[in-house]
Amino acid sequence: MKPDALIESYVAEVVRHLPRRQRTDVGFELRSLLTEELRDRAGDNEPDAETTLDLLASFGRPSEVADRYRPAGFTIIRPADAPRFAWVSLGGVAVQWAITLIATYTAPATGAGDDWLSRLGTWWLSAGLGAFWWPGLLVSLSIVAAVIAARRGDDAPEWTPKAAAKLDHDSINRSLSVLAIAGALVGIAVLVAAINLATWWPGLPQPVLDAFVIDEDFLAVRAPWALVLWAASLATMIAVLVAGRWTRTTRVLAIVGDVLWVVLLVWWVAAGPIFVQPYADSVAKGCLLLVAALCVLDLVLTARQVRQGIPEPAV
């Protein structure tokens, strides 16, 4: 890589750890500082890649450089990691709440006083508050990691610029993409097999066949829309695979797809039964709400990728 490209990659790595309002100013300042330092090191010679790599490695890891622009002492969670920590913490609590609420309200009634408000109070004092074990665990692990990092001190490994492909956050792993497409196709096959279970495997035990009897109204009205969204999602995945990278267009299409999947799954759950058997129906709806929560998480992450900007060189 050329020296300018290496500096741009390094600056992009640094500003990625900063709030958006700081990225332009910090990027301009850091880019100018590195360019001047590189010229001083090269002297009368033309700067080369090796000199640039040495300069960047001596300057420090991008996350540490980002922390220099904000006061930092012994911190449990570094400012650069705070947004990710918040999303992981709140996401884990939300998933637990969704699963336990579904289980609470789909359980059989136990008495005359077993109304929705009583169930909500019981849930909150048990699983609702109990879900906060997850952020507590993350904080405890962060404290241990901070202590270890503080003791390592200068022994921590220096940052070395990655290959251009790894610095390019829009590039994809083609093997993983092929596996993802294969998984989507397997999911379609499993759904089709579940719909035709009694026809294809009539020898299965009768309780199993009864559990997979799907509501006719669901099959006629709500289920066909899944095929439309699956086809659109597969088309987007194949386009990304062929291009070998994400583009703004494909990311926007992925966001729209996630939104439509969440709407569809919520509609499936709210509009009526999916399976004829109540127990199978409640389990299926719980799983669908979990999938909807994962779609929301993917939606947020993809939207952040679209919004994430790298400051352009100032003219």
C-alpha atoms as a PDB file:
ATOM      1  CA  MET A   1       0.000   0.000   0.000  1.00  0.00           C
ATOM      2  CA  LYS A   2       1.076   3.573  -0.629  1.00  0.00           C
ATOM      3  CA  PRO A   3       2.018   5.761   2.355  1.00  0.00           C
ATOM      4  CA  ASP A   4      -1.067   7.962   1.910  1.00  0.00           C
ATOM      5  CA  ALA A   5      -3.345   4.909   1.860  1.00  0.00           C
ATOM      6  CA  LEU A   6      -1.720   3.518   5.013  1.00  0.00           C
ATOM      7  CA  ILE A   7      -2.209   6.822   6.826  1.00  0.00           C
ATOM      8  CA  GLU A   8      -5.833   7.015   5.678  1.00  0.00           C
ATOM      9  CA  SER A   9      -6.449   3.451   6.917  1.00  0.00           C
ATOM     10  CA  TYR A  10      -4.888   4.261  10.287  1.00  0.00           C
ATOM     11  CA  VAL A  11      -6.877   7.490  10.662  1.00  0.00           C
ATOM     12  CA  ALA A  12     -10.073   5.651   9.747  1.00  0.00           C
ATOM     13  CA  GLU A  13      -9.350   3.067  12.460  1.00  0.00           C
ATOM     14  CA  VAL A  14      -8.808   5.826  15.034  1.00  0.00           C
ATOM     15  CA  VAL A  15     -11.863   7.954  14.278  1.00  0.00           C
ATOM     16  CA  ARG A  16     -14.070   4.848  14.229  1.00  0.00           C
ATOM     17  CA  HIS A  17     -13.672   4.809  18.044  1.00  0.00           C
ATOM     18  CA  LEU A  18     -14.757   8.452  18.433  1.00  0.00           C
ATOM     19  CA  PRO A  19     -18.180  10.153  18.454  1.00  0.00           C
ATOM     20  CA  ARG A  20     -19.293  11.347  15.049  1.00  0.00           C
ATOM     21  CA  ARG A  21     -19.060  15.013  16.041  1.00  0.00           C
ATOM     22  CA  GLN A  22     -15.309  14.623  16.686  1.00  0.00           C
ATOM     23  CA  ARG A  23     -14.364  12.531  13.678  1.00  0.00           C
ATOM     24  CA  THR A  24     -13.840  15.281  11.109  1.00  0.00           C
ATOM     25  CA  ASP A  25     -11.673  17.503  13.335  1.00  0.00           C
ATOM     26  CA  VAL A  26      -9.677  14.639  14.822  1.00  0.00           C
ATOM     27  CA  GLY A  27      -9.232  13.014  11.424  1.00  0.00           C
ATOM     28  CA  PHE A  28      -7.907  16.252   9.909  1.00  0.00           C
ATOM     29  CA  GLU A  29      -5.555  16.912  12.830  1.00  0.00           C
ATOM     30  CA  LEU A  30      -4.248  13.351  13.011  1.00  0.00           C
ATOM     31  CA  ARG A  31      -3.801  13.100   9.243  1.00  0.00           C
ATOM     32  CA  SER A  32      -1.791  16.333   9.176  1.00  0.00           C
ATOM     33  CA  LEU A  33       0.318  15.275  12.168  1.00  0.00           C
ATOM     34  CA  LEU A  34       1.173  11.902  10.662  1.00  0.00           C
ATOM     35  CA  THR A  35       1.941  13.387   7.252  1.00  0.00           C
ATOM     36  CA  GLU A  36       4.333  15.938   8.737  1.00  0.00           C
ATOM     37  CA  GLU A  37       5.991  13.320  10.947  1.00  0.00           C
ATOM     38  CA  LEU A  38       6.430  11.033   7.948  1.00  0.00           C
ATOM     39  CA  ARG A  39       8.085  13.807   5.919  1.00  0.00           C
ATOM     40  CA  ASP A  40      10.471  14.509   8.797  1.00  0.00           C
ATOM     41  CA  ARG A  41      11.428  10.840   9.020  1.00  0.00           C
ATOM     42  CA  ALA A  42      11.911  10.472   5.292  1.00  0.00           C
ATOM     43  CA  GLY A  43      14.006  13.620   4.993  1.00  0.00           C
ATOM     44  CA  ASP A  44      15.000  14.301   1.427  1.00  0.00           C
ATOM     45  CA  ASN A  45      13.851  10.846   0.323  1.00  0.00           C
ATOM     46  CA  GLU A  46      10.397   9.929  -0.875  1.00  0.00           C
ATOM     47  CA  PRO A  47       8.370   8.299   1.971  1.00  0.00           C
ATOM     48  CA  ASP A  48       7.905   4.580   1.442  1.00  0.00           C
ATOM     49  CA  ALA A  49       5.571   1.951   2.933  1.00  0.00           C
ATOM     50  CA  GLU A  50       8.161   0.589   5.372  1.00  0.00           C
ATOM     51  CA  THR A  51       8.850   4.011   6.916  1.00  0.00           C
ATOM     52  CA  THR A  52       5.108   4.645   7.159  1.00  0.00           C
ATOM     53  CA  LEU A  53       4.488   1.306   8.903  1.00  0.00           C
ATOM     54  CA  ASP A  54       7.200   2.060  11.448  1.00  0.00           C
ATOM     55  CA  LEU A  55       5.696   5.476  12.134  1.00  0.00           C
ATOM     56  CA  LEU A  56       2.187   4.112  12.634  1.00  0.00           C
ATOM     57  CA  ALA A  57       3.354   1.240  14.807  1.00  0.00           C
ATOM     58  CA  SER A  58       5.267   3.650  17.058  1.00  0.00           C
ATOM     59  CA  PHE A  59       2.290   6.004  17.255  1.00  0.00           C
ATOM     60  CA  GLY A  60       0.168   3.378  19.032  1.00  0.00           C
ATOM     61  CA  ARG A  61      -2.929   1.276  18.579  1.00  0.00           C
ATOM     62  CA  PRO A  62      -5.930   3.152  17.118  1.00  0.00           C
ATOM     63  CA  SER A  63      -8.112   2.618  20.201  1.00  0.00           C
ATOM     64  CA  GLU A  64      -5.371   4.056  22.438  1.00  0.00           C
ATOM     65  CA  VAL A  65      -4.846   7.020  20.111  1.00  0.00           C
ATOM     66  CA  ALA A  66      -8.594   7.701  20.219  1.00  0.00           C
ATOM     67  CA  ASP A  67      -8.461   7.677  24.016  1.00  0.00           C
ATOM     68  CA  ARG A  68      -5.799  10.414  23.927  1.00  0.00           C
ATOM     69  CA  TYR A  69      -8.415  12.833  22.705  1.00  0.00           C
ATOM     70  CA  ARG A  70     -10.439  12.175  25.859  1.00  0.00           C
ATOM     71  CA  PRO A  71      -9.253  12.053  29.491  1.00  0.00           C
ATOM     72  CA  ALA A  72      -8.558   8.463  30.453  1.00  0.00           C
ATOM     73  CA  GLY A  73      -7.336   6.960  33.721  1.00  0.00           C
ATOM     74  CA  PHE A  74      -8.180   3.545  35.090  1.00  0.00           C
ATOM     75  CA  THR A  75     -11.487   2.909  33.389  1.00  0.00           C
ATOM     76  CA  ILE A  76     -13.664  -0.172  33.597  1.00  0.00           C
ATOM     77  CA  ILE A  77     -15.016   0.429  30.100  1.00  0.00           C
ATOM     78  CA  ARG A  78     -13.026   2.562  27.679  1.00  0.00           C
ATOM     79  CA  PRO A  79     -14.951   5.364  25.935  1.00  0.00           C
ATOM     80  CA  ALA A  80     -14.266   3.703  22.587  1.00  0.00           C
ATOM     81  CA  ASP A  81     -15.981   0.499  23.796  1.00  0.00           C
ATOM     82  CA  ALA A  82     -18.883   2.153  25.643  1.00  0.00           C
ATOM     83  CA  PRO A  83     -21.443   2.160  22.759  1.00  0.00           C
ATOM     84  CA  ARG A  84     -20.815  -1.501  21.975  1.00  0.00           C
ATOM     85  CA  PHE A  85     -21.012  -2.393  25.681  1.00  0.00           C
ATOM     86  CA  ALA A  86     -24.348  -0.597  25.999  1.00  0.00           C
ATOM     87  CA  TRP A  87     -25.841  -2.389  22.999  1.00  0.00           C
ATOM     88  CA  VAL A  88     -24.677  -5.813  24.168  1.00  0.00           C
ATOM     89  CA  SER A  89     -25.928  -5.184  27.728  1.00  0.00           C
ATOM     90  CA  LEU A  90     -29.346  -3.824  26.814  1.00  0.00           C
ATOM     91  CA  GLY A  91     -29.753  -6.329  23.992  1.00  0.00           C
ATOM     92  CA  GLY A  92     -29.173  -9.256  26.364  1.00  0.00           C
ATOM     93  CA  VAL A  93     -31.720  -7.885  28.850  1.00  0.00           C
ATOM     94  CA  ALA A  94     -34.286  -7.277  26.085  1.00  0.00           C
ATOM     95  CA  VAL A  95     -33.953 -10.825  24.733  1.00  0.00           C
ATOM     96  CA  GLN A  96     -34.441 -12.288  28.227  1.00  0.00           C
ATOM     97  CA  TRP A  97     -37.483 -10.075  28.816  1.00  0.00           C
ATOM     98  CA  ALA A  98     -39.059 -11.107  25.511  1.00  0.00           C
ATOM     99  CA  ILE A  99     -38.593 -14.820  26.184  1.00  0.00           C
ATOM    100  CA  THR A 100     -39.751 -14.738  29.823  1.00  0.00           C
ATOM    101  CA  LEU A 101     -42.754 -12.491  29.104  1.00  0.00           C
ATOM    102  CA  ILE A 102     -43.952 -14.861  26.421  1.00  0.00           C
ATOM    103  CA  ALA A 103     -43.569 -17.795  28.797  1.00  0.00           C
ATOM    104  CA  THR A 104     -45.423 -15.879  31.541  1.00  0.00           C
ATOM    105  CA  TYR A 105     -48.454 -14.972  29.462  1.00  0.00           C
ATOM    106  CA  THR A 106     -48.736 -18.273  27.595  1.00  0.00           C
ATOM    107  CA  ALA A 107     -48.704 -20.392  30.751  1.00  0.00           C
ATOM    108  CA  PRO A 108     -52.076 -21.868  31.807  1.00  0.00           C
ATOM    109  CA  ALA A 109     -54.124 -19.862  34.314  1.00  0.00           C
ATOM    110  CA  THR A 110     -53.776 -21.006  37.935  1.00  0.00           C
ATOM    111  CA  GLY A 111     -56.735 -19.275  39.608  1.00  0.00           C
ATOM    112  CA  ALA A 112     -59.331 -16.503  39.651  1.00  0.00           C
ATOM    113  CA  GLY A 113     -56.768 -13.851  40.607  1.00  0.00           C
ATOM    114  CA  ASP A 114     -54.444 -14.816  37.810  1.00  0.00           C
ATOM    115  CA  ASP A 115     -55.042 -11.756  35.592  1.00  0.00           C
ATOM    116  CA  TRP A 116     -52.560 -10.023  33.280  1.00  0.00           C
ATOM    117  CA  LEU A 117     -51.534  -7.427  35.883  1.00  0.00           C
ATOM    118  CA  SER A 118     -50.807 -10.062  38.522  1.00  0.00           C
ATOM    119  CA  ARG A 119     -48.727 -12.009  36.048  1.00  0.00           C
ATOM    120  CA  LEU A 120     -46.823  -8.846  35.136  1.00  0.00           C
ATOM    121  CA  GLY A 121     -46.031  -8.136  38.794  1.00  0.00           C
ATOM    122  CA  THR A 122     -44.885 -11.708  39.391  1.00  0.00           C
ATOM    123  CA  TRP A 123     -42.757 -11.609  36.264  1.00  0.00           C
ATOM    124  CA  TRP A 124     -41.120  -8.291  37.204  1.00  0.00           C
ATOM    125  CA  LEU A 125     -40.146  -9.484  40.680  1.00  0.00           C
ATOM    126  CA  SER A 126     -38.630 -12.666  39.265  1.00  0.00           C
ATOM    127  CA  ALA A 127     -37.440 -12.827  35.666  1.00  0.00           C
ATOM    128  CA  GLY A 128     -37.825  -9.085  34.955  1.00  0.00           C
ATOM    129  CA  LEU A 129     -35.359  -7.889  37.590  1.00  0.00           C
ATOM    130  CA  GLY A 130     -33.372 -11.108  37.301  1.00  0.00           C
ATOM    131  CA  ALA A 131     -32.439 -10.295  33.703  1.00  0.00           C
ATOM    132  CA  PHE A 132     -30.058  -7.619  34.967  1.00  0.00           C
ATOM    133  CA  TRP A 133     -27.562 -10.332  35.914  1.00  0.00           C
ATOM    134  CA  TRP A 134     -26.286  -9.988  32.336  1.00  0.00           C
ATOM    135  CA  PRO A 135     -25.030  -6.348  32.544  1.00  0.00           C
ATOM    136  CA  GLY A 136     -23.593  -7.161  35.979  1.00  0.00           C
ATOM    137  CA  LEU A 137     -21.646 -10.061  34.537  1.00  0.00           C
ATOM    138  CA  LEU A 138     -20.328  -7.889  31.703  1.00  0.00           C
ATOM    139  CA  VAL A 139     -19.208  -5.187  34.148  1.00  0.00           C
ATOM    140  CA  SER A 140     -17.438  -7.775  36.325  1.00  0.00           C
ATOM    141  CA  LEU A 141     -15.627  -9.204  33.308  1.00  0.00           C
ATOM    142  CA  SER A 142     -14.703  -5.674  32.201  1.00  0.00           C
ATOM    143  CA  ILE A 143     -13.173  -4.951  35.608  1.00  0.00           C
ATOM    144  CA  VAL A 144     -11.040  -8.096  35.371  1.00  0.00           C
ATOM    145  CA  ALA A 145      -9.987  -7.169  31.821  1.00  0.00           C
ATOM    146  CA  ALA A 146      -9.107  -3.599  32.911  1.00  0.00           C
ATOM    147  CA  VAL A 147      -6.952  -4.873  35.783  1.00  0.00           C
ATOM    148  CA  ILE A 148      -5.131  -7.276  33.483  1.00  0.00           C
ATOM    149  CA  ALA A 149      -4.592  -4.532  30.877  1.00  0.00           C
ATOM    150  CA  ALA A 150      -3.259  -2.141  33.550  1.00  0.00           C
ATOM    151  CA  ARG A 151      -0.785  -4.735  34.793  1.00  0.00           C
ATOM    152  CA  ARG A 152       0.405  -5.553  31.291  1.00  0.00           C
ATOM    153  CA  GLY A 153       1.317  -1.927  30.703  1.00  0.00           C
ATOM    154  CA  ASP A 154       3.940  -1.562  27.996  1.00  0.00           C
ATOM    155  CA  ASP A 155       3.993  -5.313  27.443  1.00  0.00           C
ATOM    156  CA  ALA A 156       0.788  -5.081  25.416  1.00  0.00           C
ATOM    157  CA  PRO A 157       1.347  -5.902  21.732  1.00  0.00           C
ATOM    158  CA  GLU A 158       1.913  -2.950  19.438  1.00  0.00           C
ATOM    159  CA  TRP A 159      -0.519  -2.180  16.676  1.00  0.00           C
ATOM    160  CA  THR A 160       0.583  -3.144  13.200  1.00  0.00           C
ATOM    161  CA  PRO A 161      -1.460  -2.087  10.166  1.00  0.00           C
ATOM    162  CA  LYS A 162      -3.685  -4.857   8.895  1.00  0.00           C
ATOM    163  CA  ALA A 163      -3.962  -5.950   5.327  1.00  0.00           C
ATOM    164  CA  ALA A 164      -6.072  -3.647   3.187  1.00  0.00           C
ATOM    165  CA  ALA A 165      -8.851  -6.236   2.971  1.00  0.00           C
ATOM    166  CA  LYS A 166      -9.155  -6.389   6.755  1.00  0.00           C
ATOM    167  CA  LEU A 167      -9.214  -2.618   7.062  1.00  0.00           C
ATOM    168  CA  ASP A 168     -12.001  -2.490   4.521  1.00  0.00           C
ATOM    169  CA  HIS A 169     -15.093  -3.004   6.683  1.00  0.00           C
ATOM    170  CA  ASP A 170     -17.283  -3.420   3.597  1.00  0.00           C
ATOM    171  CA  SER A 171     -15.432  -6.481   2.319  1.00  0.00           C
ATOM    172  CA  ILE A 172     -16.938  -9.896   3.061  1.00  0.00           C
ATOM    173  CA  ASN A 173     -15.757 -13.420   3.702  1.00  0.00           C
ATOM    174  CA  ARG A 174     -17.077 -15.292   0.678  1.00  0.00           C
ATOM    175  CA  SER A 175     -16.993 -18.675   2.450  1.00  0.00           C
ATOM    176  CA  LEU A 176     -19.148 -17.389   5.301  1.00  0.00           C
ATOM    177  CA  SER A 177     -21.486 -15.738   2.821  1.00  0.00           C
ATOM    178  CA  VAL A 178     -21.949 -19.028   0.987  1.00  0.00           C
ATOM    179  CA  LEU A 179     -22.714 -20.728   4.311  1.00  0.00           C
ATOM    180  CA  ALA A 180     -25.256 -18.005   5.138  1.00  0.00           C
ATOM    181  CA  ILE A 181     -27.012 -18.493   1.805  1.00  0.00           C
ATOM    182  CA  ALA A 182     -26.984 -22.260   2.331  1.00  0.00           C
ATOM    183  CA  GLY A 183     -28.469 -21.770   5.806  1.00  0.00           C
ATOM    184  CA  ALA A 184     -31.278 -19.635   4.365  1.00  0.00           C
ATOM    185  CA  LEU A 185     -32.057 -22.335   1.820  1.00  0.00           C
ATOM    186  CA  VAL A 186     -32.067 -24.983   4.553  1.00  0.00           C
ATOM    187  CA  GLY A 187     -34.485 -22.824   6.550  1.00  0.00           C
ATOM    188  CA  ILE A 188     -36.851 -22.681   3.588  1.00  0.00           C
ATOM    189  CA  ALA A 189     -36.580 -26.450   3.175  1.00  0.00           C
ATOM    190  CA  VAL A 190     -37.356 -27.031   6.873  1.00  0.00           C
ATOM    191  CA  LEU A 191     -40.450 -24.816   6.671  1.00  0.00           C
ATOM    192  CA  VAL A 192     -41.723 -26.615   3.577  1.00  0.00           C
ATOM    193  CA  ALA A 193     -41.040 -29.983   5.246  1.00  0.00           C
ATOM    194  CA  ALA A 194     -42.979 -28.935   8.369  1.00  0.00           C
ATOM    195  CA  ILE A 195     -45.960 -27.893   6.262  1.00  0.00           C
ATOM    196  CA  ASN A 196     -45.993 -31.233   4.409  1.00  0.00           C
ATOM    197  CA  LEU A 197     -44.995 -33.431   7.353  1.00  0.00           C
ATOM    198  CA  ALA A 198     -48.132 -35.572   7.352  1.00  0.00           C
ATOM    199  CA  THR A 199     -47.933 -36.109   3.589  1.00  0.00           C
ATOM    200  CA  TRP A 200     -44.223 -36.889   3.358  1.00  0.00           C
ATOM    201  CA  TRP A 201     -43.814 -38.898   6.587  1.00  0.00           C
ATOM    202  CA  PRO A 202     -47.209 -40.387   7.470  1.00  0.00           C
ATOM    203  CA  GLY A 203     -45.515 -43.062   9.579  1.00  0.00           C
ATOM    204  CA  LEU A 204     -44.449 -40.606  12.301  1.00  0.00           C
ATOM    205  CA  PRO A 205     -46.149 -40.891  15.727  1.00  0.00           C
ATOM    206  CA  GLN A 206     -49.565 -39.238  15.769  1.00  0.00           C
ATOM    207  CA  PRO A 207     -48.658 -36.721  18.564  1.00  0.00           C
ATOM    208  CA  VAL A 208     -45.798 -35.438  16.384  1.00  0.00           C
ATOM    209  CA  LEU A 209     -48.080 -35.085  13.367  1.00  0.00           C
ATOM    210  CA  ASP A 210     -50.734 -33.338  15.470  1.00  0.00           C
ATOM    211  CA  ALA A 211     -48.166 -30.890  16.858  1.00  0.00           C
ATOM    212  CA  PHE A 212     -47.222 -29.731  13.340  1.00  0.00           C
ATOM    213  CA  VAL A 213     -50.739 -29.147  12.022  1.00  0.00           C
ATOM    214  CA  ILE A 214     -50.660 -25.559  10.753  1.00  0.00           C
ATOM    215  CA  ASP A 215     -53.655 -23.234  10.861  1.00  0.00           C
ATOM    216  CA  GLU A 216     -55.299 -22.974   7.426  1.00  0.00           C
ATOM    217  CA  ASP A 217     -55.834 -19.213   7.673  1.00  0.00           C
ATOM    218  CA  PHE A 218     -52.129 -18.745   8.430  1.00  0.00           C
ATOM    219  CA  LEU A 219     -51.138 -20.809   5.400  1.00  0.00           C
ATOM    220  CA  ALA A 220     -53.508 -18.967   3.100  1.00  0.00           C
ATOM    221  CA  VAL A 221     -52.948 -15.346   4.188  1.00  0.00           C
ATOM    222  CA  ARG A 222     -49.786 -14.830   6.253  1.00  0.00           C
ATOM    223  CA  ALA A 223     -47.319 -17.560   5.270  1.00  0.00           C
ATOM    224  CA  PRO A 224     -46.906 -16.708   1.532  1.00  0.00           C
ATOM    225  CA  TRP A 225     -45.324 -13.337   2.380  1.00  0.00           C
ATOM    226  CA  ALA A 226     -42.353 -15.177   3.882  1.00  0.00           C
ATOM    227  CA  LEU A 227     -41.464 -16.542   0.453  1.00  0.00           C
ATOM    228  CA  VAL A 228     -41.428 -13.013  -0.976  1.00  0.00           C
ATOM    229  CA  LEU A 229     -39.101 -11.726   1.750  1.00  0.00           C
ATOM    230  CA  TRP A 230     -36.905 -14.819   1.533  1.00  0.00           C
ATOM    231  CA  ALA A 231     -36.495 -14.310  -2.208  1.00  0.00           C
ATOM    232  CA  ALA A 232     -35.602 -10.621  -1.706  1.00  0.00           C
ATOM    233  CA  SER A 233     -33.134 -11.435   1.083  1.00  0.00           C
ATOM    234  CA  LEU A 234     -31.453 -14.145  -0.976  1.00  0.00           C
ATOM    235  CA  ALA A 235     -31.171 -11.762  -3.926  1.00  0.00           C
ATOM    236  CA  THR A 236     -29.415  -9.202  -1.710  1.00  0.00           C
ATOM    237  CA  MET A 237     -27.075 -11.851  -0.247  1.00  0.00           C
ATOM    238  CA  ILE A 238     -26.180 -13.137  -3.703  1.00  0.00           C
ATOM    239  CA  ALA A 239     -25.522  -9.569  -4.946  1.00  0.00           C
ATOM    240  CA  VAL A 240     -23.145  -8.989  -2.027  1.00  0.00           C
ATOM    241  CA  LEU A 241     -21.452 -12.341  -2.681  1.00  0.00           C
ATOM    242  CA  VAL A 242     -20.923 -11.556  -6.371  1.00  0.00           C
ATOM    243  CA  ALA A 243     -19.568  -8.065  -5.619  1.00  0.00           C
ATOM    244  CA  GLY A 244     -17.403  -9.374  -2.782  1.00  0.00           C
ATOM    245  CA  ARG A 245     -18.335  -6.411  -0.589  1.00  0.00           C
ATOM    246  CA  TRP A 246     -21.196  -4.424   0.865  1.00  0.00           C
ATOM    247  CA  THR A 247     -22.281  -1.202  -0.801  1.00  0.00           C
ATOM    248  CA  ARG A 248     -24.523   1.513   0.543  1.00  0.00           C
ATOM    249  CA  THR A 249     -27.320   0.227  -1.678  1.00  0.00           C
ATOM    250  CA  THR A 250     -27.099  -3.363  -0.443  1.00  0.00           C
ATOM    251  CA  ARG A 251     -26.893  -2.194   3.179  1.00  0.00           C
ATOM    252  CA  VAL A 252     -30.028  -0.068   2.703  1.00  0.00           C
ATOM    253  CA  LEU A 253     -31.759  -3.078   1.119  1.00  0.00           C
ATOM    254  CA  ALA A 254     -30.706  -5.178   4.122  1.00  0.00           C
ATOM    255  CA  ILE A 255     -32.188  -2.556   6.473  1.00  0.00           C
ATOM    256  CA  VAL A 256     -35.477  -2.515   4.560  1.00  0.00           C
ATOM    257  CA  GLY A 257     -35.509  -6.315   4.601  1.00  0.00           C
ATOM    258  CA  ASP A 258     -34.972  -6.434   8.358  1.00  0.00           C
ATOM    259  CA  VAL A 259     -37.797  -3.949   8.939  1.00  0.00           C
ATOM    260  CA  LEU A 260     -40.165  -5.975   6.763  1.00  0.00           C
ATOM    261  CA  TRP A 261     -39.184  -9.216   8.523  1.00  0.00           C
ATOM    262  CA  VAL A 262     -39.899  -7.679  11.937  1.00  0.00           C
ATOM    263  CA  VAL A 263     -43.285  -6.420  10.717  1.00  0.00           C
ATOM    264  CA  LEU A 264     -44.117  -9.812   9.217  1.00  0.00           C
ATOM    265  CA  LEU A 265     -43.110 -11.788  12.317  1.00  0.00           C
ATOM    266  CA  VAL A 266     -45.062  -9.490  14.642  1.00  0.00           C
ATOM    267  CA  TRP A 267     -48.063  -9.814  12.316  1.00  0.00           C
ATOM    268  CA  TRP A 268     -47.760 -13.593  12.402  1.00  0.00           C
ATOM    269  CA  VAL A 269     -47.762 -13.596  16.192  1.00  0.00           C
ATOM    270  CA  ALA A 270     -50.535 -11.036  16.678  1.00  0.00           C
ATOM    271  CA  ALA A 271     -52.979 -11.954  13.893  1.00  0.00           C
ATOM    272  CA  GLY A 272     -53.987 -15.386  15.149  1.00  0.00           C
ATOM    273  CA  PRO A 273     -52.830 -18.975  15.613  1.00  0.00           C
ATOM    274  CA  ILE A 274     -50.001 -20.445  13.590  1.00  0.00           C
ATOM    275  CA  PHE A 275     -50.336 -24.047  14.754  1.00  0.00           C
ATOM    276  CA  VAL A 276     -53.634 -25.648  15.670  1.00  0.00           C
ATOM    277  CA  GLN A 277     -52.313 -27.113  18.920  1.00  0.00           C
ATOM    278  CA  PRO A 278     -52.093 -24.361  21.586  1.00  0.00           C
ATOM    279  CA  TYR A 279     -48.810 -25.566  23.112  1.00  0.00           C
ATOM    280  CA  ALA A 280     -47.062 -25.833  19.725  1.00  0.00           C
ATOM    281  CA  ASP A 281     -48.506 -22.434  18.787  1.00  0.00           C
ATOM    282  CA  SER A 282     -47.148 -20.726  21.933  1.00  0.00           C
ATOM    283  CA  VAL A 283     -43.678 -22.240  21.474  1.00  0.00           C
ATOM    284  CA  ALA A 284     -43.599 -21.214  17.814  1.00  0.00           C
ATOM    285  CA  LYS A 285     -44.655 -17.655  18.627  1.00  0.00           C
ATOM    286  CA  GLY A 286     -41.983 -17.391  21.317  1.00  0.00           C
ATOM    287  CA  CYS A 287     -39.334 -18.489  18.823  1.00  0.00           C
ATOM    288  CA  LEU A 288     -40.626 -16.021  16.230  1.00  0.00           C
ATOM    289  CA  LEU A 289     -40.430 -13.136  18.698  1.00  0.00           C
ATOM    290  CA  LEU A 290     -36.841 -14.131  19.463  1.00  0.00           C
ATOM    291  CA  VAL A 291     -36.067 -14.084  15.739  1.00  0.00           C
ATOM    292  CA  ALA A 292     -37.725 -10.655  15.510  1.00  0.00           C
ATOM    293  CA  ALA A 293     -35.479  -9.403  18.319  1.00  0.00           C
ATOM    294  CA  LEU A 294     -32.419 -10.680  16.441  1.00  0.00           C
ATOM    295  CA  CYS A 295     -33.663  -8.905  13.306  1.00  0.00           C
ATOM    296  CA  VAL A 296     -33.940  -5.662  15.281  1.00  0.00           C
ATOM    297  CA  LEU A 297     -30.371  -6.125  16.538  1.00  0.00           C
ATOM    298  CA  ASP A 298     -29.123  -6.759  12.987  1.00  0.00           C
ATOM    299  CA  LEU A 299     -31.123  -3.728  11.832  1.00  0.00           C
ATOM    300  CA  VAL A 300     -29.413  -1.479  14.373  1.00  0.00           C
ATOM    301  CA  LEU A 301     -25.938  -2.771  13.516  1.00  0.00           C
ATOM    302  CA  THR A 302     -26.518  -2.418   9.770  1.00  0.00           C
ATOM    303  CA  ALA A 303     -27.933   1.087  10.195  1.00  0.00           C
ATOM    304  CA  ARG A 304     -24.836   2.083  12.170  1.00  0.00           C
ATOM    305  CA  GLN A 305     -22.649   0.762   9.337  1.00  0.00           C
ATOM    306  CA  VAL A 306     -24.575   2.900   6.848  1.00  0.00           C
ATOM    307  CA  ARG A 307     -24.364   6.003   9.057  1.00  0.00           C
ATOM    308  CA  GLN A 308     -20.713   5.462   9.980  1.00  0.00           C
ATOM    309  CA  GLY A 309     -18.696   8.000   8.056  1.00  0.00           C
ATOM    310  CA  ILE A 310     -14.947   8.353   7.506  1.00  0.00           C
ATOM    311  CA  PRO A 311     -13.813  11.967   7.193  1.00  0.00           C
ATOM    312  CA  GLU A 312     -12.630  12.899   3.740  1.00  0.00           C
ATOM    313  CA  PRO A 313      -9.285  14.699   3.330  1.00  0.00           C
ATOM    314  CA  ALA A 314      -9.820  18.423   3.697  1.00  0.00           C
ATOM    315  CA  VAL A 315      -9.271  20.449   0.544  1.00  0.00           C
END
